[in-house]
Amino acid sequence: MAAQVERQKPNTKHLWKVFWILLGLTALEFLVAFQVDADHYKWTKIWIFVIMTIVKAYYIVGIFMHLKSETKAFIWYMVLPIMFVIWLIIALLIEGDYFGKERLF
């Protein structure tokens, strides 16, 4: 007769906690999008969205994509190239804007 293997109960409590945090942040984003006046608080609204997007990305990548449980070296192998790409995009946007404002001929 085969021995019965005890199955471990999945620990989903932490995943549900992260789900509710992400849901709350998304609801807060909708509240800011529809309630904050875009004419007077344009940059404040933009920075609120940027900060909330970074927080949501941290939870999604760290928990659901399991990057939080990896070694520090692997995390830096993933994060450092992304930081350089973001820097490149910002630099190209700034230089492109400057090139559009200056006439060479």
C-alpha atoms as a PDB file:
ATOM      1  CA  MET A   1       0.000   0.000   0.000  1.00  0.00           C
ATOM      2  CA  ALA A   2       1.341   3.431  -0.914  1.00  0.00           C
ATOM      3  CA  ALA A   3       2.082   5.823   1.912  1.00  0.00           C
ATOM      4  CA  GLN A   4      -0.086   8.884   1.989  1.00  0.00           C
ATOM      5  CA  VAL A   5       1.763  12.124   1.477  1.00  0.00           C
ATOM      6  CA  GLU A   6       0.691  15.038   3.614  1.00  0.00           C
ATOM      7  CA  ARG A   7      -0.141  18.026   1.484  1.00  0.00           C
ATOM      8  CA  GLN A   8       0.857  21.371   2.824  1.00  0.00           C
ATOM      9  CA  LYS A   9      -1.853  23.993   2.937  1.00  0.00           C
ATOM     10  CA  PRO A  10      -0.876  26.882   0.639  1.00  0.00           C
ATOM     11  CA  ASN A  11      -0.007  30.081   2.452  1.00  0.00           C
ATOM     12  CA  THR A  12      -2.129  32.578   0.560  1.00  0.00           C
ATOM     13  CA  LYS A  13      -2.652  35.043   3.406  1.00  0.00           C
ATOM     14  CA  HIS A  14       0.293  37.212   2.303  1.00  0.00           C
ATOM     15  CA  LEU A  15      -0.861  37.207  -1.332  1.00  0.00           C
ATOM     16  CA  TRP A  16      -4.329  38.357  -0.338  1.00  0.00           C
ATOM     17  CA  LYS A  17      -2.788  41.137   1.764  1.00  0.00           C
ATOM     18  CA  VAL A  18      -0.807  42.363  -1.260  1.00  0.00           C
ATOM     19  CA  PHE A  19      -3.926  42.069  -3.424  1.00  0.00           C
ATOM     20  CA  TRP A  20      -5.886  44.336  -1.078  1.00  0.00           C
ATOM     21  CA  ILE A  21      -2.997  46.839  -0.950  1.00  0.00           C
ATOM     22  CA  LEU A  22      -2.888  46.980  -4.759  1.00  0.00           C
ATOM     23  CA  LEU A  23      -6.669  47.304  -4.935  1.00  0.00           C
ATOM     24  CA  GLY A  24      -6.586  50.162  -2.429  1.00  0.00           C
ATOM     25  CA  LEU A  25      -3.845  51.954  -4.378  1.00  0.00           C
ATOM     26  CA  THR A  26      -5.783  51.554  -7.614  1.00  0.00           C
ATOM     27  CA  ALA A  27      -8.947  52.919  -5.991  1.00  0.00           C
ATOM     28  CA  LEU A  28      -6.908  55.846  -4.648  1.00  0.00           C
ATOM     29  CA  GLU A  29      -5.564  56.494  -8.159  1.00  0.00           C
ATOM     30  CA  PHE A  30      -9.108  56.645  -9.525  1.00  0.00           C
ATOM     31  CA  LEU A  31     -10.128  58.977  -6.711  1.00  0.00           C
ATOM     32  CA  VAL A  32      -7.210  61.318  -7.440  1.00  0.00           C
ATOM     33  CA  ALA A  33      -7.846  61.147 -11.196  1.00  0.00           C
ATOM     34  CA  PHE A  34     -11.486  62.176 -10.943  1.00  0.00           C
ATOM     35  CA  GLN A  35     -11.509  64.429  -7.866  1.00  0.00           C
ATOM     36  CA  VAL A  36      -8.314  66.515  -8.060  1.00  0.00           C
ATOM     37  CA  ASP A  37      -8.534  69.586 -10.278  1.00  0.00           C
ATOM     38  CA  ALA A  38      -6.073  69.151 -13.153  1.00  0.00           C
ATOM     39  CA  ASP A  39      -5.785  72.873 -13.872  1.00  0.00           C
ATOM     40  CA  HIS A  40      -4.510  73.935 -10.464  1.00  0.00           C
ATOM     41  CA  TYR A  41      -2.722  70.804  -9.256  1.00  0.00           C
ATOM     42  CA  LYS A  42      -1.344  69.375 -12.490  1.00  0.00           C
ATOM     43  CA  TRP A  43       2.193  68.574 -11.270  1.00  0.00           C
ATOM     44  CA  THR A  44       1.016  67.394  -7.872  1.00  0.00           C
ATOM     45  CA  LYS A  45      -1.351  64.995  -9.593  1.00  0.00           C
ATOM     46  CA  ILE A  46       1.421  63.739 -11.894  1.00  0.00           C
ATOM     47  CA  TRP A  47       3.816  63.106  -8.988  1.00  0.00           C
ATOM     48  CA  ILE A  48       1.115  61.305  -7.008  1.00  0.00           C
ATOM     49  CA  PHE A  49       0.601  58.971  -9.974  1.00  0.00           C
ATOM     50  CA  VAL A  50       4.349  58.416 -10.404  1.00  0.00           C
ATOM     51  CA  ILE A  51       4.840  57.553  -6.718  1.00  0.00           C
ATOM     52  CA  MET A  52       1.824  55.234  -6.597  1.00  0.00           C
ATOM     53  CA  THR A  53       2.953  53.523  -9.806  1.00  0.00           C
ATOM     54  CA  ILE A  54       6.397  52.853  -8.330  1.00  0.00           C
ATOM     55  CA  VAL A  55       4.833  51.422  -5.155  1.00  0.00           C
ATOM     56  CA  LYS A  56       2.522  49.190  -7.200  1.00  0.00           C
ATOM     57  CA  ALA A  57       5.430  48.046  -9.391  1.00  0.00           C
ATOM     58  CA  TYR A  58       7.409  47.131  -6.254  1.00  0.00           C
ATOM     59  CA  TYR A  59       4.602  44.906  -4.977  1.00  0.00           C
ATOM     60  CA  ILE A  60       3.939  43.290  -8.354  1.00  0.00           C
ATOM     61  CA  VAL A  61       7.584  42.555  -9.155  1.00  0.00           C
ATOM     62  CA  GLY A  62       8.606  41.727  -5.600  1.00  0.00           C
ATOM     63  CA  ILE A  63       5.736  39.486  -4.564  1.00  0.00           C
ATOM     64  CA  PHE A  64       3.999  38.112  -7.651  1.00  0.00           C
ATOM     65  CA  MET A  65       7.163  37.769  -9.766  1.00  0.00           C
ATOM     66  CA  HIS A  66       9.176  36.490  -6.740  1.00  0.00           C
ATOM     67  CA  LEU A  67      12.056  38.960  -7.170  1.00  0.00           C
ATOM     68  CA  LYS A  68      11.975  39.807  -3.458  1.00  0.00           C
ATOM     69  CA  SER A  69      13.150  36.285  -2.566  1.00  0.00           C
ATOM     70  CA  GLU A  70      16.114  36.330  -4.974  1.00  0.00           C
ATOM     71  CA  THR A  71      19.708  37.107  -4.115  1.00  0.00           C
ATOM     72  CA  LYS A  72      20.816  40.731  -3.937  1.00  0.00           C
ATOM     73  CA  ALA A  73      23.217  40.298  -6.872  1.00  0.00           C
ATOM     74  CA  PHE A  74      20.427  39.038  -9.134  1.00  0.00           C
ATOM     75  CA  ILE A  75      18.181  41.919  -8.082  1.00  0.00           C
ATOM     76  CA  TRP A  76      20.927  44.381  -9.065  1.00  0.00           C
ATOM     77  CA  TYR A  77      21.395  42.552 -12.380  1.00  0.00           C
ATOM     78  CA  MET A  78      17.731  43.249 -13.069  1.00  0.00           C
ATOM     79  CA  VAL A  79      17.389  46.773 -11.646  1.00  0.00           C
ATOM     80  CA  LEU A  80      20.603  48.411 -12.881  1.00  0.00           C
ATOM     81  CA  PRO A  81      19.932  48.002 -16.647  1.00  0.00           C
ATOM     82  CA  ILE A  82      16.377  49.262 -16.137  1.00  0.00           C
ATOM     83  CA  MET A  83      17.735  52.356 -14.379  1.00  0.00           C
ATOM     84  CA  PHE A  84      20.106  52.991 -17.295  1.00  0.00           C
ATOM     85  CA  VAL A  85      17.273  52.647 -19.813  1.00  0.00           C
ATOM     86  CA  ILE A  86      15.135  55.108 -17.835  1.00  0.00           C
ATOM     87  CA  TRP A  87      18.098  57.512 -17.689  1.00  0.00           C
ATOM     88  CA  LEU A  88      18.573  57.116 -21.462  1.00  0.00           C
ATOM     89  CA  ILE A  89      14.907  57.883 -22.164  1.00  0.00           C
ATOM     90  CA  ILE A  90      14.999  60.986 -19.959  1.00  0.00           C
ATOM     91  CA  ALA A  91      18.240  62.196 -21.570  1.00  0.00           C
ATOM     92  CA  LEU A  92      16.861  61.667 -25.068  1.00  0.00           C
ATOM     93  CA  LEU A  93      13.668  63.525 -24.222  1.00  0.00           C
ATOM     94  CA  ILE A  94      15.611  66.480 -22.812  1.00  0.00           C
ATOM     95  CA  GLU A  95      18.018  66.606 -25.744  1.00  0.00           C
ATOM     96  CA  GLY A  96      15.218  66.138 -28.255  1.00  0.00           C
ATOM     97  CA  ASP A  97      13.315  69.013 -26.730  1.00  0.00           C
ATOM     98  CA  TYR A  98      16.429  71.210 -26.888  1.00  0.00           C
ATOM     99  CA  PHE A  99      17.059  70.252 -30.514  1.00  0.00           C
ATOM    100  CA  GLY A 100      13.479  71.169 -31.392  1.00  0.00           C
ATOM    101  CA  LYS A 101      13.846  74.631 -29.847  1.00  0.00           C
ATOM    102  CA  GLU A 102      17.187  75.519 -31.473  1.00  0.00           C
ATOM    103  CA  ARG A 103      17.459  76.210 -35.184  1.00  0.00           C
ATOM    104  CA  LEU A 104      20.698  75.070 -36.750  1.00  0.00           C
ATOM    105  CA  PHE A 105      20.131  76.745 -40.117  1.00  0.00           C
END
